[in-house]
Amino acid sequence: MRIQEKQWNSLNNKEMSGVSFHRFMELEGHANHMEIAEELGISLGEVRMLKKKVNRT
């Protein structure tokens, strides 16, 4: 499987620049972790981290 440019940058920079949190909130309701990761171009670990942060607020 080829790694996308956004995913490559997020793995190397250890940050989630360019992630639309509004889009994440829309996807969270009806998509699983893998679908969210593919849509936003981030890793599964970052999806889990975002979900934890959203649940805390």
PDB file of N, CA and C in Angstrom:
ATOM      1  N   MET A   1       0.848  -1.180   0.000  1.00  0.00           N
ATOM      2  CA  MET A   1       0.000   0.000   0.000  1.00  0.00           C
ATOM      3  C   MET A   1       0.891   1.240   0.000  1.00  0.00           C
ATOM      4  N   ARG A   2       0.573   2.183  -0.824  1.00  0.00           N
ATOM      5  CA  ARG A   2       1.363   3.404  -0.922  1.00  0.00           C
ATOM      6  C   ARG A   2       0.943   4.385   0.157  1.00  0.00           C
ATOM      7  N   ILE A   3       1.931   5.064   0.681  1.00  0.00           N
ATOM      8  CA  ILE A   3       1.657   6.062   1.717  1.00  0.00           C
ATOM      9  C   ILE A   3       1.394   7.409   1.041  1.00  0.00           C
ATOM     10  N   GLN A   4       0.369   8.080   1.461  1.00  0.00           N
ATOM     11  CA  GLN A   4       0.022   9.365   0.868  1.00  0.00           C
ATOM     12  C   GLN A   4       0.909  10.458   1.432  1.00  0.00           C
ATOM     13  N   GLU A   5       1.005  11.558   0.699  1.00  0.00           N
ATOM     14  CA  GLU A   5       1.889  12.653   1.105  1.00  0.00           C
ATOM     15  C   GLU A   5       1.514  13.227   2.466  1.00  0.00           C
ATOM     16  N   LYS A   6       0.216  13.417   2.731  1.00  0.00           N
ATOM     17  CA  LYS A   6      -0.204  13.937   4.036  1.00  0.00           C
ATOM     18  C   LYS A   6       0.197  12.986   5.152  1.00  0.00           C
ATOM     19  N   GLN A   7       0.017  11.693   4.903  1.00  0.00           N
ATOM     20  CA  GLN A   7       0.370  10.697   5.910  1.00  0.00           C
ATOM     21  C   GLN A   7       1.877  10.709   6.152  1.00  0.00           C
ATOM     22  N   TRP A   8       2.650  10.786   5.084  1.00  0.00           N
ATOM     23  CA  TRP A   8       4.112  10.816   5.198  1.00  0.00           C
ATOM     24  C   TRP A   8       4.555  12.019   6.019  1.00  0.00           C
ATOM     25  N   ASN A   9       3.975  13.188   5.731  1.00  0.00           N
ATOM     26  CA  ASN A   9       4.329  14.399   6.475  1.00  0.00           C
ATOM     27  C   ASN A   9       3.941  14.295   7.941  1.00  0.00           C
ATOM     28  N   SER A  10       2.781  13.728   8.215  1.00  0.00           N
ATOM     29  CA  SER A  10       2.357  13.626   9.611  1.00  0.00           C
ATOM     30  C   SER A  10       3.227  12.642  10.379  1.00  0.00           C
ATOM     31  N   LEU A  11       3.678  11.582   9.723  1.00  0.00           N
ATOM     32  CA  LEU A  11       4.563  10.628  10.392  1.00  0.00           C
ATOM     33  C   LEU A  11       5.925  11.242  10.680  1.00  0.00           C
ATOM     34  N   ASN A  12       6.421  12.038   9.749  1.00  0.00           N
ATOM     35  CA  ASN A  12       7.736  12.640   9.921  1.00  0.00           C
ATOM     36  C   ASN A  12       7.727  13.834  10.867  1.00  0.00           C
ATOM     37  N   ASN A  13       6.677  14.626  10.833  1.00  0.00           N
ATOM     38  CA  ASN A  13       6.625  15.847  11.633  1.00  0.00           C
ATOM     39  C   ASN A  13       5.987  15.650  12.998  1.00  0.00           C
ATOM     40  N   LYS A  14       5.308  14.514  13.211  1.00  0.00           N
ATOM     41  CA  LYS A  14       4.616  14.223  14.466  1.00  0.00           C
ATOM     42  C   LYS A  14       3.616  15.320  14.838  1.00  0.00           C
ATOM     43  N   GLU A  15       2.974  15.865  13.856  1.00  0.00           N
ATOM     44  CA  GLU A  15       1.926  16.853  14.102  1.00  0.00           C
ATOM     45  C   GLU A  15       0.824  16.648  13.074  1.00  0.00           C
ATOM     46  N   MET A  16      -0.309  17.268  13.309  1.00  0.00           N
ATOM     47  CA  MET A  16      -1.441  17.093  12.410  1.00  0.00           C
ATOM     48  C   MET A  16      -1.794  18.405  11.729  1.00  0.00           C
ATOM     49  N   SER A  17      -0.856  18.951  10.994  1.00  0.00           N
ATOM     50  CA  SER A  17      -1.137  20.191  10.286  1.00  0.00           C
ATOM     51  C   SER A  17      -2.010  19.885   9.078  1.00  0.00           C
ATOM     52  N   GLY A  18      -2.938  20.745   8.825  1.00  0.00           N
ATOM     53  CA  GLY A  18      -3.799  20.577   7.677  1.00  0.00           C
ATOM     54  C   GLY A  18      -5.023  19.712   7.918  1.00  0.00           C
ATOM     55  N   VAL A  19      -5.227  19.237   9.139  1.00  0.00           N
ATOM     56  CA  VAL A  19      -6.395  18.414   9.444  1.00  0.00           C
ATOM     57  C   VAL A  19      -7.560  19.334   9.765  1.00  0.00           C
ATOM     58  N   SER A  20      -8.650  19.130   9.073  1.00  0.00           N
ATOM     59  CA  SER A  20      -9.854  19.904   9.323  1.00  0.00           C
ATOM     60  C   SER A  20     -10.628  19.248  10.468  1.00  0.00           C
ATOM     61  N   PHE A  21     -10.643  19.895  11.621  1.00  0.00           N
ATOM     62  CA  PHE A  21     -11.318  19.319  12.777  1.00  0.00           C
ATOM     63  C   PHE A  21     -12.832  19.298  12.578  1.00  0.00           C
ATOM     64  N   HIS A  22     -13.359  20.235  11.801  1.00  0.00           N
ATOM     65  CA  HIS A  22     -14.789  20.222  11.500  1.00  0.00           C
ATOM     66  C   HIS A  22     -15.132  18.988  10.666  1.00  0.00           C
ATOM     67  N   ARG A  23     -14.266  18.689   9.713  1.00  0.00           N
ATOM     68  CA  ARG A  23     -14.479  17.499   8.876  1.00  0.00           C
ATOM     69  C   ARG A  23     -14.374  16.231   9.732  1.00  0.00           C
ATOM     70  N   PHE A  24     -13.434  16.229  10.683  1.00  0.00           N
ATOM     71  CA  PHE A  24     -13.286  15.088  11.590  1.00  0.00           C
ATOM     72  C   PHE A  24     -14.564  14.867  12.373  1.00  0.00           C
ATOM     73  N   MET A  25     -15.160  15.943  12.876  1.00  0.00           N
ATOM     74  CA  MET A  25     -16.391  15.831  13.655  1.00  0.00           C
ATOM     75  C   MET A  25     -17.533  15.284  12.797  1.00  0.00           C
ATOM     76  N   GLU A  26     -17.597  15.687  11.522  1.00  0.00           N
ATOM     77  CA  GLU A  26     -18.628  15.168  10.629  1.00  0.00           C
ATOM     78  C   GLU A  26     -18.455  13.674  10.400  1.00  0.00           C
ATOM     79  N   LEU A  27     -17.225  13.253  10.170  1.00  0.00           N
ATOM     80  CA  LEU A  27     -16.944  11.849   9.881  1.00  0.00           C
ATOM     81  C   LEU A  27     -17.080  10.957  11.102  1.00  0.00           C
ATOM     82  N   GLU A  28     -16.821  11.514  12.277  1.00  0.00           N
ATOM     83  CA  GLU A  28     -16.806  10.738  13.503  1.00  0.00           C
ATOM     84  C   GLU A  28     -18.133  10.020  13.752  1.00  0.00           C
ATOM     85  N   GLY A  29     -19.222  10.647  13.383  1.00  0.00           N
ATOM     86  CA  GLY A  29     -20.533  10.074  13.657  1.00  0.00           C
ATOM     87  C   GLY A  29     -20.880   8.833  12.862  1.00  0.00           C
ATOM     88  N   HIS A  30     -20.360   8.721  11.636  1.00  0.00           N
ATOM     89  CA  HIS A  30     -20.810   7.617  10.796  1.00  0.00           C
ATOM     90  C   HIS A  30     -19.692   6.798  10.149  1.00  0.00           C
ATOM     91  N   ALA A  31     -18.433   7.133  10.396  1.00  0.00           N
ATOM     92  CA  ALA A  31     -17.332   6.398   9.774  1.00  0.00           C
ATOM     93  C   ALA A  31     -16.472   5.714  10.838  1.00  0.00           C
ATOM     94  N   ASN A  32     -15.848   4.610  10.445  1.00  0.00           N
ATOM     95  CA  ASN A  32     -14.958   3.931  11.384  1.00  0.00           C
ATOM     96  C   ASN A  32     -13.564   4.589  11.347  1.00  0.00           C
ATOM     97  N   HIS A  33     -12.670   4.131  12.229  1.00  0.00           N
ATOM     98  CA  HIS A  33     -11.343   4.746  12.340  1.00  0.00           C
ATOM     99  C   HIS A  33     -10.572   4.716  11.023  1.00  0.00           C
ATOM    100  N   MET A  34     -10.628   3.596  10.324  1.00  0.00           N
ATOM    101  CA  MET A  34      -9.880   3.455   9.074  1.00  0.00           C
ATOM    102  C   MET A  34     -10.382   4.425   8.012  1.00  0.00           C
ATOM    103  N   GLU A  35     -11.679   4.568   7.897  1.00  0.00           N
ATOM    104  CA  GLU A  35     -12.249   5.494   6.915  1.00  0.00           C
ATOM    105  C   GLU A  35     -11.869   6.932   7.224  1.00  0.00           C
ATOM    106  N   ILE A  36     -11.890   7.301   8.502  1.00  0.00           N
ATOM    107  CA  ILE A  36     -11.501   8.662   8.905  1.00  0.00           C
ATOM    108  C   ILE A  36     -10.042   8.910   8.575  1.00  0.00           C
ATOM    109  N   ALA A  37      -9.186   7.941   8.884  1.00  0.00           N
ATOM    110  CA  ALA A  37      -7.756   8.083   8.615  1.00  0.00           C
ATOM    111  C   ALA A  37      -7.491   8.260   7.124  1.00  0.00           C
ATOM    112  N   GLU A  38      -8.151   7.471   6.301  1.00  0.00           N
ATOM    113  CA  GLU A  38      -7.964   7.586   4.859  1.00  0.00           C
ATOM    114  C   GLU A  38      -8.484   8.913   4.328  1.00  0.00           C
ATOM    115  N   GLU A  39      -9.632   9.343   4.811  1.00  0.00           N
ATOM    116  CA  GLU A  39     -10.239  10.591   4.344  1.00  0.00           C
ATOM    117  C   GLU A  39      -9.373  11.807   4.692  1.00  0.00           C
ATOM    118  N   LEU A  40      -8.829  11.827   5.914  1.00  0.00           N
ATOM    119  CA  LEU A  40      -8.050  12.976   6.364  1.00  0.00           C
ATOM    120  C   LEU A  40      -6.561  12.848   6.082  1.00  0.00           C
ATOM    121  N   GLY A  41      -6.121  11.662   5.692  1.00  0.00           N
ATOM    122  CA  GLY A  41      -4.711  11.453   5.399  1.00  0.00           C
ATOM    123  C   GLY A  41      -3.839  11.416   6.638  1.00  0.00           C
ATOM    124  N   ILE A  42      -4.371  10.837   7.718  1.00  0.00           N
ATOM    125  CA  ILE A  42      -3.614  10.715   8.965  1.00  0.00           C
ATOM    126  C   ILE A  42      -3.579   9.247   9.374  1.00  0.00           C
ATOM    127  N   SER A  43      -2.785   8.926  10.391  1.00  0.00           N
ATOM    128  CA  SER A  43      -2.665   7.534  10.834  1.00  0.00           C
ATOM    129  C   SER A  43      -3.809   7.171  11.777  1.00  0.00           C
ATOM    130  N   LEU A  44      -3.956   5.871  12.015  1.00  0.00           N
ATOM    131  CA  LEU A  44      -4.992   5.391  12.936  1.00  0.00           C
ATOM    132  C   LEU A  44      -4.728   5.870  14.358  1.00  0.00           C
ATOM    133  N   GLY A  45      -3.479   5.939  14.742  1.00  0.00           N
ATOM    134  CA  GLY A  45      -3.123   6.435  16.074  1.00  0.00           C
ATOM    135  C   GLY A  45      -3.546   7.879  16.259  1.00  0.00           C
ATOM    136  N   GLU A  46      -3.391   8.677  15.221  1.00  0.00           N
ATOM    137  CA  GLU A  46      -3.799  10.080  15.296  1.00  0.00           C
ATOM    138  C   GLU A  46      -5.316  10.210  15.372  1.00  0.00           C
ATOM    139  N   VAL A  47      -6.031   9.313  14.707  1.00  0.00           N
ATOM    140  CA  VAL A  47      -7.499   9.319  14.801  1.00  0.00           C
ATOM    141  C   VAL A  47      -7.915   9.024  16.234  1.00  0.00           C
ATOM    142  N   ARG A  48      -7.290   8.010  16.845  1.00  0.00           N
ATOM    143  CA  ARG A  48      -7.604   7.675  18.234  1.00  0.00           C
ATOM    144  C   ARG A  48      -7.289   8.846  19.164  1.00  0.00           C
ATOM    145  N   MET A  49      -6.158   9.526  18.925  1.00  0.00           N
ATOM    146  CA  MET A  49      -5.780  10.661  19.752  1.00  0.00           C
ATOM    147  C   MET A  49      -6.800  11.799  19.615  1.00  0.00           C
ATOM    148  N   LEU A  50      -7.258  12.062  18.399  1.00  0.00           N
ATOM    149  CA  LEU A  50      -8.272  13.094  18.187  1.00  0.00           C
ATOM    150  C   LEU A  50      -9.571  12.740  18.892  1.00  0.00           C
ATOM    151  N   LYS A  51      -9.978  11.473  18.820  1.00  0.00           N
ATOM    152  CA  LYS A  51     -11.210  11.046  19.493  1.00  0.00           C
ATOM    153  C   LYS A  51     -11.105  11.248  21.001  1.00  0.00           C
ATOM    154  N   LYS A  52      -9.942  10.933  21.589  1.00  0.00           N
ATOM    155  CA  LYS A  52      -9.744  11.134  23.017  1.00  0.00           C
ATOM    156  C   LYS A  52      -9.848  12.618  23.371  1.00  0.00           C
ATOM    157  N   LYS A  53      -9.235  13.465  22.549  1.00  0.00           N
ATOM    158  CA  LYS A  53      -9.263  14.908  22.815  1.00  0.00           C
ATOM    159  C   LYS A  53     -10.686  15.452  22.698  1.00  0.00           C
ATOM    160  N   VAL A  54     -11.431  14.973  21.731  1.00  0.00           N
ATOM    161  CA  VAL A  54     -12.812  15.428  21.548  1.00  0.00           C
ATOM    162  C   VAL A  54     -13.666  14.991  22.725  1.00  0.00           C
ATOM    163  N   ASN A  55     -13.472  13.772  23.204  1.00  0.00           N
ATOM    164  CA  ASN A  55     -14.261  13.259  24.322  1.00  0.00           C
ATOM    165  C   ASN A  55     -13.947  14.000  25.629  1.00  0.00           C
ATOM    166  N   ARG A  56     -12.760  14.539  25.766  1.00  0.00           N
ATOM    167  CA  ARG A  56     -12.373  15.250  26.982  1.00  0.00           C
ATOM    168  C   ARG A  56     -12.991  16.643  27.063  1.00  0.00           C
ATOM    169  N   THR A  57     -13.295  17.217  25.898  1.00  0.00           N
ATOM    170  CA  THR A  57     -13.825  18.591  25.908  1.00  0.00           C
ATOM    171  C   THR A  57     -15.305  18.628  26.056  1.00  0.00           C
TER     172      THR A  57
END
